C-alpha atoms as a PDB file:
ATOM      1  CA  MET A   1      15.624 145.745 -40.489  1.00  0.00           C
ATOM      2  CA  MET A   2      15.644 144.005 -43.872  1.00  0.00           C
ATOM      3  CA  HIS A   3      17.033 146.130 -46.652  1.00  0.00           C
ATOM      4  CA  ALA A   4      19.034 145.530 -49.766  1.00  0.00           C
ATOM      5  CA  GLY A   5      21.948 147.588 -50.972  1.00  0.00           C
ATOM      6  CA  THR A   6      21.389 150.876 -52.709  1.00  0.00           C
ATOM      7  CA  PRO A   7      19.136 150.271 -55.716  1.00  0.00           C
ATOM      8  CA  ILE A   8      20.944 150.685 -59.033  1.00  0.00           C
ATOM      9  CA  PRO A   9      19.342 153.359 -61.260  1.00  0.00           C
ATOM     10  CA  GLN A  10      18.274 152.064 -64.676  1.00  0.00           C
ATOM     11  CA  GLY A  11      18.601 155.520 -66.266  1.00  0.00           C
ATOM     12  CA  LYS A  12      19.635 159.097 -65.563  1.00  0.00           C
ATOM     13  CA  TYR A  13      18.127 159.621 -62.095  1.00  0.00           C
ATOM     14  CA  VAL A  14      18.949 159.118 -58.425  1.00  0.00           C
ATOM     15  CA  PRO A  15      17.307 156.414 -56.283  1.00  0.00           C
ATOM     16  CA  ALA A  16      16.026 159.073 -53.860  1.00  0.00           C
ATOM     17  CA  LYS A  17      16.140 162.833 -53.415  1.00  0.00           C
ATOM     18  CA  ARG A  18      15.921 164.696 -50.134  1.00  0.00           C
ATOM     19  CA  VAL A  19      14.341 168.132 -49.755  1.00  0.00           C
ATOM     20  CA  GLY A  20      14.404 169.373 -46.163  1.00  0.00           C
ATOM     21  CA  ASN A  21      12.940 166.643 -44.005  1.00  0.00           C
ATOM     22  CA  LEU A  22      11.233 164.853 -46.903  1.00  0.00           C
ATOM     23  CA  ILE A  23      12.660 162.059 -49.044  1.00  0.00           C
ATOM     24  CA  PHE A  24      11.137 161.231 -52.432  1.00  0.00           C
ATOM     25  CA  THR A  25      12.158 157.926 -53.982  1.00  0.00           C
ATOM     26  CA  ALA A  26      12.264 157.029 -57.630  1.00  0.00           C
ATOM     27  CA  GLY A  27       9.863 154.316 -58.689  1.00  0.00           C
ATOM     28  CA  MET A  28      11.389 151.019 -57.600  1.00  0.00           C
ATOM     29  CA  THR A  29      10.798 147.693 -59.267  1.00  0.00           C
ATOM     30  CA  PRO A  30      11.668 144.287 -57.791  1.00  0.00           C
ATOM     31  CA  ARG A  31      15.348 144.447 -58.728  1.00  0.00           C
ATOM     32  CA  GLU A  32      18.162 142.821 -56.816  1.00  0.00           C
ATOM     33  CA  ASN A  33      21.615 144.060 -57.829  1.00  0.00           C
ATOM     34  CA  GLY A  34      20.005 145.690 -60.869  1.00  0.00           C
ATOM     35  CA  VAL A  35      18.305 142.491 -62.064  1.00  0.00           C
ATOM     36  CA  LEU A  36      14.525 141.951 -62.027  1.00  0.00           C
ATOM     37  CA  ILE A  37      13.616 138.922 -59.926  1.00  0.00           C
ATOM     38  CA  GLN A  38      10.187 138.640 -61.595  1.00  0.00           C
ATOM     39  CA  SER A  39       8.557 140.010 -64.729  1.00  0.00           C
ATOM     40  CA  GLY A  40       5.209 139.951 -66.464  1.00  0.00           C
ATOM     41  CA  LYS A  41       1.686 141.154 -65.870  1.00  0.00           C
ATOM     42  CA  ILE A  42      -0.201 140.392 -62.677  1.00  0.00           C
ATOM     43  CA  LYS A  43      -3.340 138.597 -63.803  1.00  0.00           C
ATOM     44  CA  SER A  44      -6.798 138.688 -62.258  1.00  0.00           C
ATOM     45  CA  ASP A  45      -6.438 135.126 -60.962  1.00  0.00           C
ATOM     46  CA  PHE A  46      -3.056 135.830 -59.342  1.00  0.00           C
ATOM     47  CA  VAL A  47      -1.934 133.989 -56.228  1.00  0.00           C
ATOM     48  CA  ILE A  48      -0.585 136.348 -53.561  1.00  0.00           C
ATOM     49  CA  GLU A  49       2.299 134.030 -52.667  1.00  0.00           C
ATOM     50  CA  ASN A  50       3.495 134.133 -56.303  1.00  0.00           C
ATOM     51  CA  VAL A  51       3.940 137.937 -56.257  1.00  0.00           C
ATOM     52  CA  LYS A  52       4.622 138.647 -52.586  1.00  0.00           C
ATOM     53  CA  GLN A  53       8.430 138.434 -52.838  1.00  0.00           C
ATOM     54  CA  ALA A  54       8.523 140.828 -55.808  1.00  0.00           C
ATOM     55  CA  ILE A  55       6.262 143.352 -54.086  1.00  0.00           C
ATOM     56  CA  ARG A  56       8.259 143.222 -50.865  1.00  0.00           C
ATOM     57  CA  LEU A  57      11.536 143.642 -52.780  1.00  0.00           C
ATOM     58  CA  ALA A  58      10.219 146.751 -54.564  1.00  0.00           C
ATOM     59  CA  ALA A  59       9.151 148.112 -51.163  1.00  0.00           C
ATOM     60  CA  THR A  60      12.517 147.184 -49.656  1.00  0.00           C
ATOM     61  CA  ASN A  61      14.279 149.051 -52.446  1.00  0.00           C
ATOM     62  CA  THR A  62      12.339 152.256 -51.710  1.00  0.00           C
ATOM     63  CA  LEU A  63      13.147 151.979 -48.027  1.00  0.00           C
ATOM     64  CA  SER A  64      16.832 151.266 -48.712  1.00  0.00           C
ATOM     65  CA  ALA A  65      17.094 154.301 -50.979  1.00  0.00           C
ATOM     66  CA  SER A  66      15.481 156.430 -48.263  1.00  0.00           C
ATOM     67  CA  LEU A  67      17.706 155.130 -45.472  1.00  0.00           C
ATOM     68  CA  LYS A  68      20.843 155.998 -47.464  1.00  0.00           C
ATOM     69  CA  LEU A  69      19.894 159.685 -47.171  1.00  0.00           C
ATOM     70  CA  LEU A  70      19.603 159.747 -43.378  1.00  0.00           C
ATOM     71  CA  ASP A  71      22.246 161.250 -41.131  1.00  0.00           C
ATOM     72  CA  ILE A  72      23.464 159.064 -38.255  1.00  0.00           C
ATOM     73  CA  ASN A  73      21.185 160.878 -35.774  1.00  0.00           C
ATOM     74  CA  GLU A  74      18.031 160.597 -37.908  1.00  0.00           C
ATOM     75  CA  LYS A  75      15.275 158.097 -38.564  1.00  0.00           C
ATOM     76  CA  ILE A  76      12.243 157.840 -40.777  1.00  0.00           C
ATOM     77  CA  GLU A  77       9.440 159.602 -38.944  1.00  0.00           C
ATOM     78  CA  SER A  78       6.594 158.563 -41.212  1.00  0.00           C
ATOM     79  CA  VAL A  79       5.594 157.269 -44.606  1.00  0.00           C
ATOM     80  CA  ILE A  80       3.770 160.245 -46.097  1.00  0.00           C
ATOM     81  CA  SER A  81       2.590 158.581 -49.278  1.00  0.00           C
ATOM     82  CA  MET A  82       3.088 155.480 -51.377  1.00  0.00           C
ATOM     83  CA  THR A  83       2.142 155.023 -55.010  1.00  0.00           C
ATOM     84  CA  VAL A  84       1.972 151.462 -56.323  1.00  0.00           C
ATOM     85  CA  TYR A  85       1.962 150.925 -60.081  1.00  0.00           C
ATOM     86  CA  ILE A  86       0.798 147.461 -61.086  1.00  0.00           C
ATOM     87  CA  ASN A  87       1.441 145.922 -64.509  1.00  0.00           C
ATOM     88  CA  THR A  88      -1.971 144.309 -64.961  1.00  0.00           C
ATOM     89  CA  GLU A  89      -4.404 142.824 -67.404  1.00  0.00           C
ATOM     90  CA  GLU A  90      -7.184 145.191 -68.485  1.00  0.00           C
ATOM     91  CA  ASN A  91      -9.839 143.578 -66.250  1.00  0.00           C
ATOM     92  CA  PHE A  92      -7.708 143.490 -63.057  1.00  0.00           C
ATOM     93  CA  GLU A  93      -9.538 144.880 -59.998  1.00  0.00           C
ATOM     94  CA  LEU A  94      -7.503 143.766 -56.977  1.00  0.00           C
ATOM     95  CA  HIS A  95      -5.089 146.708 -56.830  1.00  0.00           C
ATOM     96  CA  SER A  96      -5.623 147.228 -53.098  1.00  0.00           C
ATOM     97  CA  LYS A  97      -4.586 143.616 -52.336  1.00  0.00           C
ATOM     98  CA  ILE A  98      -1.255 144.266 -54.078  1.00  0.00           C
ATOM     99  CA  ALA A  99      -0.779 147.584 -52.231  1.00  0.00           C
ATOM    100  CA  ASP A 100      -1.651 145.853 -48.926  1.00  0.00           C
ATOM    101  CA  ILE A 101       1.438 143.652 -49.262  1.00  0.00           C
ATOM    102  CA  ALA A 102       3.656 146.740 -49.526  1.00  0.00           C
ATOM    103  CA  SER A 103       1.780 148.471 -46.685  1.00  0.00           C
ATOM    104  CA  ASP A 104       2.232 145.369 -44.524  1.00  0.00           C
ATOM    105  CA  TYR A 105       5.981 145.429 -45.204  1.00  0.00           C
ATOM    106  CA  TYR A 106       6.345 149.104 -44.203  1.00  0.00           C
ATOM    107  CA  PHE A 107       4.266 148.418 -41.071  1.00  0.00           C
ATOM    108  CA  GLU A 108       6.502 145.441 -40.146  1.00  0.00           C
ATOM    109  CA  VAL A 109       9.629 147.595 -40.449  1.00  0.00           C
ATOM    110  CA  LEU A 110       8.404 150.991 -39.212  1.00  0.00           C
ATOM    111  CA  GLY A 111       5.317 150.231 -37.112  1.00  0.00           C
ATOM    112  CA  GLU A 112       2.502 152.802 -37.284  1.00  0.00           C
ATOM    113  CA  ALA A 113       4.962 155.240 -38.930  1.00  0.00           C
ATOM    114  CA  GLY A 114       4.954 152.909 -41.946  1.00  0.00           C
ATOM    115  CA  ILE A 115       1.327 153.614 -42.815  1.00  0.00           C
ATOM    116  CA  GLY A 116       0.612 156.700 -44.897  1.00  0.00           C
ATOM    117  CA  SER A 117      -1.705 157.631 -47.714  1.00  0.00           C
ATOM    118  CA  ARG A 118      -1.474 155.577 -50.889  1.00  0.00           C
ATOM    119  CA  ALA A 119      -2.608 155.090 -54.419  1.00  0.00           C
ATOM    120  CA  ALA A 120      -2.682 151.807 -56.323  1.00  0.00           C
ATOM    121  CA  VAL A 121      -2.797 152.201 -60.085  1.00  0.00           C
ATOM    122  CA  GLY A 122      -3.062 149.593 -62.811  1.00  0.00           C
ATOM    123  CA  VAL A 123      -0.897 150.316 -65.855  1.00  0.00           C
ATOM    124  CA  ALA A 124      -0.473 148.756 -69.303  1.00  0.00           C
ATOM    125  CA  SER A 125       3.275 148.232 -68.855  1.00  0.00           C
ATOM    126  CA  LEU A 126       6.266 149.002 -66.629  1.00  0.00           C
ATOM    127  CA  PRO A 127      10.011 149.234 -67.339  1.00  0.00           C
ATOM    128  CA  GLY A 128      11.538 145.850 -68.142  1.00  0.00           C
ATOM    129  CA  ASN A 129       8.038 144.337 -67.959  1.00  0.00           C
ATOM    130  CA  ALA A 130       8.270 144.535 -64.157  1.00  0.00           C
ATOM    131  CA  PRO A 131       5.084 143.395 -62.396  1.00  0.00           C
ATOM    132  CA  ILE A 132       5.163 146.283 -59.919  1.00  0.00           C
ATOM    133  CA  GLU A 133       6.773 149.645 -59.256  1.00  0.00           C
ATOM    134  CA  ILE A 134       6.557 151.544 -55.971  1.00  0.00           C
ATOM    135  CA  GLN A 135       7.311 155.201 -55.260  1.00  0.00           C
ATOM    136  CA  LEU A 136       7.555 156.453 -51.689  1.00  0.00           C
ATOM    137  CA  VAL A 137       7.621 159.786 -49.855  1.00  0.00           C
ATOM    138  CA  VAL A 138       8.828 159.744 -46.240  1.00  0.00           C
ATOM    139  CA  SER A 139       9.489 162.347 -43.561  1.00  0.00           C
ATOM    140  CA  VAL A 140      12.654 162.385 -41.461  1.00  0.00           C
ATOM    141  CA  THR A 141      13.172 163.320 -37.822  1.00  0.00           C
ATOM    142  CA  GLU A 142      16.082 163.408 -35.414  1.00  0.00           C
ATOM    143  CA  VAL A 143      16.506 160.483 -33.053  1.00  0.00           C
ATOM    144  CA  GLU A 144      15.911 161.531 -29.453  1.00  0.00           C
ATOM    145  CA  ASN A 145      18.838 160.866 -27.137  1.00  0.00           C
ATOM    146  CA  SER A 146      17.931 158.764 -24.133  1.00  0.00           C
END
């Protein structure tokens, strides 16, 4: 399973918070060791390959933050919801294509459990001029002994 280290908060917050069997992540941008790997708006004529790594890294960061809160006998049961914030030009309309890249990543890692509800929202700006920010809610279950 691909995952980076624990994401480094850029302010006064925790990367993820657990309440019962739910984990809520902070919004995660495409940061590696606290440094954005890409910045700027995603334009209407974007090329998926040019933003795919950044989107997958933001998704990886949410998953890494979630995994850090699991006990040894637990696993992620399901992605409950994902919100994707996209730093876009005013006339951008391909939000779902951006969210699909994140959904594909969660599906690769978690199978059917990686697909939950989602929202994809275009915004005027994001912290550090990040192109994308993802927030995730997952449920946790105990691993069955075999």
